[in-house]
C-alpha atoms as a PDB file:
ATOM      1  CA  MET A   1      -3.838 -25.702  18.164  1.00  0.00           C
ATOM      2  CA  THR A   2      -2.267 -24.668  14.834  1.00  0.00           C
ATOM      3  CA  LYS A   3      -5.223 -22.374  14.044  1.00  0.00           C
ATOM      4  CA  GLN A   4      -4.890 -20.728  17.456  1.00  0.00           C
ATOM      5  CA  ILE A   5      -1.188 -20.087  16.843  1.00  0.00           C
ATOM      6  CA  GLY A   6      -1.943 -18.618  13.415  1.00  0.00           C
ATOM      7  CA  ASP A   7      -4.674 -16.437  14.884  1.00  0.00           C
ATOM      8  CA  ARG A   8      -2.263 -15.077  17.514  1.00  0.00           C
ATOM      9  CA  GLY A   9       0.240 -14.198  14.793  1.00  0.00           C
ATOM     10  CA  GLU A  10      -2.453 -12.351  12.855  1.00  0.00           C
ATOM     11  CA  VAL A  11      -3.498 -10.414  15.968  1.00  0.00           C
ATOM     12  CA  LEU A  12       0.124  -9.360  16.540  1.00  0.00           C
ATOM     13  CA  VAL A  13       0.497  -8.109  12.956  1.00  0.00           C
ATOM     14  CA  ALA A  14      -2.852  -6.282  13.097  1.00  0.00           C
ATOM     15  CA  GLN A  15      -1.789  -4.528  16.310  1.00  0.00           C
ATOM     16  CA  LEU A  16       1.538  -3.498  14.787  1.00  0.00           C
ATOM     17  CA  LEU A  17      -0.158  -2.162  11.659  1.00  0.00           C
ATOM     18  CA  GLU A  18      -2.667  -0.168  13.712  1.00  0.00           C
ATOM     19  CA  ALA A  19       0.155   1.242  15.834  1.00  0.00           C
ATOM     20  CA  ASN A  20       1.709   2.509  12.589  1.00  0.00           C
ATOM     21  CA  GLY A  21      -1.448   4.266  11.408  1.00  0.00           C
ATOM     22  CA  TRP A  22      -3.101   1.579   9.291  1.00  0.00           C
ATOM     23  CA  ARG A  23      -6.819   0.876   9.624  1.00  0.00           C
ATOM     24  CA  ILE A  24      -7.758  -2.809   9.718  1.00  0.00           C
ATOM     25  CA  LEU A  25     -10.754  -3.383   7.449  1.00  0.00           C
ATOM     26  CA  ALA A  26     -11.089  -7.149   7.801  1.00  0.00           C
ATOM     27  CA  THR A  27      -9.479 -10.175   9.375  1.00  0.00           C
ATOM     28  CA  GLN A  28      -9.842 -13.727   8.118  1.00  0.00           C
ATOM     29  CA  TRP A  29     -12.044 -12.562   5.229  1.00  0.00           C
ATOM     30  CA  ARG A  30     -13.319 -15.610   3.338  1.00  0.00           C
ATOM     31  CA  CYS A  31     -14.634 -16.290  -0.130  1.00  0.00           C
ATOM     32  CA  ARG A  32     -14.703 -19.308  -2.431  1.00  0.00           C
ATOM     33  CA  TRP A  33     -11.013 -18.815  -3.336  1.00  0.00           C
ATOM     34  CA  GLY A  34      -9.791 -18.904   0.229  1.00  0.00           C
ATOM     35  CA  GLU A  35      -9.028 -16.529   3.047  1.00  0.00           C
ATOM     36  CA  LEU A  36      -7.357 -13.134   3.227  1.00  0.00           C
ATOM     37  CA  ASP A  37      -5.645 -12.972   6.614  1.00  0.00           C
ATOM     38  CA  LEU A  38      -5.643  -9.184   7.011  1.00  0.00           C
ATOM     39  CA  ILE A  39      -6.919  -6.307   4.926  1.00  0.00           C
ATOM     40  CA  ALA A  40      -5.768  -2.822   5.899  1.00  0.00           C
ATOM     41  CA  CYS A  41      -5.753   0.637   4.401  1.00  0.00           C
ATOM     42  CA  ASP A  42      -4.600   4.200   4.747  1.00  0.00           C
ATOM     43  CA  ARG A  43      -5.445   7.107   2.450  1.00  0.00           C
ATOM     44  CA  GLN A  44      -3.319   5.795  -0.408  1.00  0.00           C
ATOM     45  CA  TRP A  45      -2.930   2.013  -0.061  1.00  0.00           C
ATOM     46  CA  LEU A  46      -5.123  -1.044   0.324  1.00  0.00           C
ATOM     47  CA  LEU A  47      -3.076  -3.896   1.781  1.00  0.00           C
ATOM     48  CA  PHE A  48      -3.781  -7.596   1.533  1.00  0.00           C
ATOM     49  CA  ILE A  49      -1.496  -9.213   4.116  1.00  0.00           C
ATOM     50  CA  GLU A  50      -0.696 -12.910   4.257  1.00  0.00           C
ATOM     51  CA  VAL A  51       0.524 -13.860   7.740  1.00  0.00           C
ATOM     52  CA  LYS A  52       2.612 -16.970   8.332  1.00  0.00           C
ATOM     53  CA  THR A  53       3.298 -17.936  11.934  1.00  0.00           C
ATOM     54  CA  ARG A  54       5.856 -20.620  12.680  1.00  0.00           C
ATOM     55  CA  SER A  55       7.360 -22.183  15.780  1.00  0.00           C
ATOM     56  CA  ASP A  56      11.084 -22.727  16.256  1.00  0.00           C
ATOM     57  CA  ARG A  57      11.062 -26.329  15.121  1.00  0.00           C
ATOM     58  CA  ASN A  58       8.893 -26.005  12.026  1.00  0.00           C
ATOM     59  CA  TRP A  59      10.213 -27.533   8.790  1.00  0.00           C
ATOM     60  CA  ASP A  60       9.389 -24.288   6.970  1.00  0.00           C
ATOM     61  CA  THR A  61      11.505 -22.139   9.264  1.00  0.00           C
ATOM     62  CA  ASP A  62       9.927 -18.764   8.590  1.00  0.00           C
ATOM     63  CA  GLY A  63       6.827 -19.651   6.547  1.00  0.00           C
ATOM     64  CA  SER A  64       8.029 -18.119   3.304  1.00  0.00           C
ATOM     65  CA  LEU A  65       8.048 -21.474   1.495  1.00  0.00           C
ATOM     66  CA  ALA A  66       4.269 -21.611   1.922  1.00  0.00           C
ATOM     67  CA  ILE A  67       3.788 -18.548  -0.306  1.00  0.00           C
ATOM     68  CA  THR A  68       3.829 -20.503  -3.544  1.00  0.00           C
ATOM     69  CA  ALA A  69       2.730 -19.199  -6.943  1.00  0.00           C
ATOM     70  CA  GLN A  70      -0.497 -21.171  -6.471  1.00  0.00           C
ATOM     71  CA  LYS A  71      -1.104 -19.516  -3.064  1.00  0.00           C
ATOM     72  CA  GLN A  72      -0.391 -16.088  -4.559  1.00  0.00           C
ATOM     73  CA  ALA A  73      -2.931 -16.714  -7.329  1.00  0.00           C
ATOM     74  CA  LYS A  74      -5.603 -17.621  -4.754  1.00  0.00           C
ATOM     75  CA  ILE A  75      -4.863 -14.484  -2.724  1.00  0.00           C
ATOM     76  CA  ILE A  76      -5.078 -12.325  -5.855  1.00  0.00           C
ATOM     77  CA  LYS A  77      -8.425 -13.879  -6.843  1.00  0.00           C
ATOM     78  CA  ALA A  78      -9.788 -13.413  -3.330  1.00  0.00           C
ATOM     79  CA  ALA A  79      -8.603  -9.790  -3.334  1.00  0.00           C
ATOM     80  CA  SER A  80     -10.421  -9.231  -6.638  1.00  0.00           C
ATOM     81  CA  ILE A  81     -13.643 -10.536  -5.109  1.00  0.00           C
ATOM     82  CA  PHE A  82     -13.135  -8.336  -2.041  1.00  0.00           C
ATOM     83  CA  LEU A  83     -12.679  -5.298  -4.289  1.00  0.00           C
ATOM     84  CA  SER A  84     -15.788  -6.146  -6.305  1.00  0.00           C
ATOM     85  CA  GLN A  85     -17.775  -6.163  -3.060  1.00  0.00           C
ATOM     86  CA  HIS A  86     -16.148  -2.953  -1.776  1.00  0.00           C
ATOM     87  CA  SER A  87     -16.006  -0.753  -4.865  1.00  0.00           C
ATOM     88  CA  HIS A  88     -15.505   2.393  -2.763  1.00  0.00           C
ATOM     89  CA  LEU A  89     -11.936   1.163  -2.151  1.00  0.00           C
ATOM     90  CA  ALA A  90     -11.130   0.838  -5.866  1.00  0.00           C
ATOM     91  CA  THR A  91      -9.359   4.204  -5.947  1.00  0.00           C
ATOM     92  CA  LEU A  92      -6.642   2.946  -3.590  1.00  0.00           C
ATOM     93  CA  ALA A  93      -3.465   1.331  -4.869  1.00  0.00           C
ATOM     94  CA  CYS A  94      -3.335  -2.350  -3.926  1.00  0.00           C
ATOM     95  CA  ARG A  95      -0.373  -4.082  -2.343  1.00  0.00           C
ATOM     96  CA  PHE A  96       0.232  -7.698  -1.369  1.00  0.00           C
ATOM     97  CA  ASP A  97       2.414  -7.953   1.737  1.00  0.00           C
ATOM     98  CA  VAL A  98       3.652 -10.931   3.731  1.00  0.00           C
ATOM     99  CA  ALA A  99       4.261 -10.970   7.480  1.00  0.00           C
ATOM    100  CA  LEU A 100       6.429 -13.745   8.915  1.00  0.00           C
ATOM    101  CA  VAL A 101       5.829 -14.307  12.622  1.00  0.00           C
ATOM    102  CA  ARG A 102       7.859 -16.514  14.936  1.00  0.00           C
ATOM    103  CA  ARG A 103       6.479 -18.189  18.019  1.00  0.00           C
ATOM    104  CA  ALA A 104       9.394 -17.840  20.414  1.00  0.00           C
ATOM    105  CA  THR A 105      10.484 -20.359  22.949  1.00  0.00           C
ATOM    106  CA  ARG A 106       9.805 -19.510  26.569  1.00  0.00           C
ATOM    107  CA  THR A 107      13.253 -18.097  27.335  1.00  0.00           C
ATOM    108  CA  GLN A 108      13.111 -14.522  28.570  1.00  0.00           C
ATOM    109  CA  ASP A 109      15.459 -13.102  25.943  1.00  0.00           C
ATOM    110  CA  GLN A 110      13.121 -14.209  23.175  1.00  0.00           C
ATOM    111  CA  ILE A 111       9.923 -12.786  24.627  1.00  0.00           C
ATOM    112  CA  SER A 112       8.942  -9.390  23.301  1.00  0.00           C
ATOM    113  CA  PRO A 113       8.783  -6.370  25.619  1.00  0.00           C
ATOM    114  CA  ALA A 114       4.992  -6.618  25.727  1.00  0.00           C
ATOM    115  CA  GLY A 115       5.314 -10.136  27.116  1.00  0.00           C
ATOM    116  CA  SER A 116       4.106 -11.863  23.980  1.00  0.00           C
ATOM    117  CA  GLU A 117       5.732 -15.060  22.874  1.00  0.00           C
ATOM    118  CA  PHE A 118       5.055 -14.049  19.259  1.00  0.00           C
ATOM    119  CA  LEU A 119       7.536 -11.865  17.374  1.00  0.00           C
ATOM    120  CA  LEU A 120       7.382 -10.293  13.939  1.00  0.00           C
ATOM    121  CA  LYS A 121      10.410 -11.766  12.209  1.00  0.00           C
ATOM    122  CA  SER A 122       9.960 -10.062   8.848  1.00  0.00           C
ATOM    123  CA  TYR A 123       7.460  -7.838   7.073  1.00  0.00           C
ATOM    124  CA  ILE A 124       7.773  -7.880   3.299  1.00  0.00           C
ATOM    125  CA  GLU A 125       6.069  -5.043   1.443  1.00  0.00           C
ATOM    126  CA  GLN A 126       4.955  -5.849  -2.094  1.00  0.00           C
ATOM    127  CA  ALA A 127       5.979  -9.469  -1.602  1.00  0.00           C
ATOM    128  CA  PHE A 128       4.363 -10.309  -4.900  1.00  0.00           C
ATOM    129  CA  VAL A 129       2.699  -8.356  -7.669  1.00  0.00           C
ATOM    130  CA  THR A 130      -0.270  -9.007  -9.880  1.00  0.00           C
END
């Protein structure tokens, strides 16, 4: 169930990025260092986006506590491997963003206009640097 909730959060963020002109290159890209939730680009930037989806009663209210220095290091290593396999993207500037998604309760005022029970709580550009 937790994986399904996380997947729904990632789909929401991917849809929002695409609606704002970003092209999604990969979702749930895996290598030996872990997984990159979303990889997106435009003409200037290559984004590696970590998505954290939480429910109302989660101990880590918005998911930001899960982005530890150790997690950041794994994401950076995975991004390096991705870039080594996709050298044509090496001319783009890289950015590590974090999207914090909330799974809303079923009350009408918390459901987004599209009817989704998932809401983007915060999108942090350049959440960490290499």
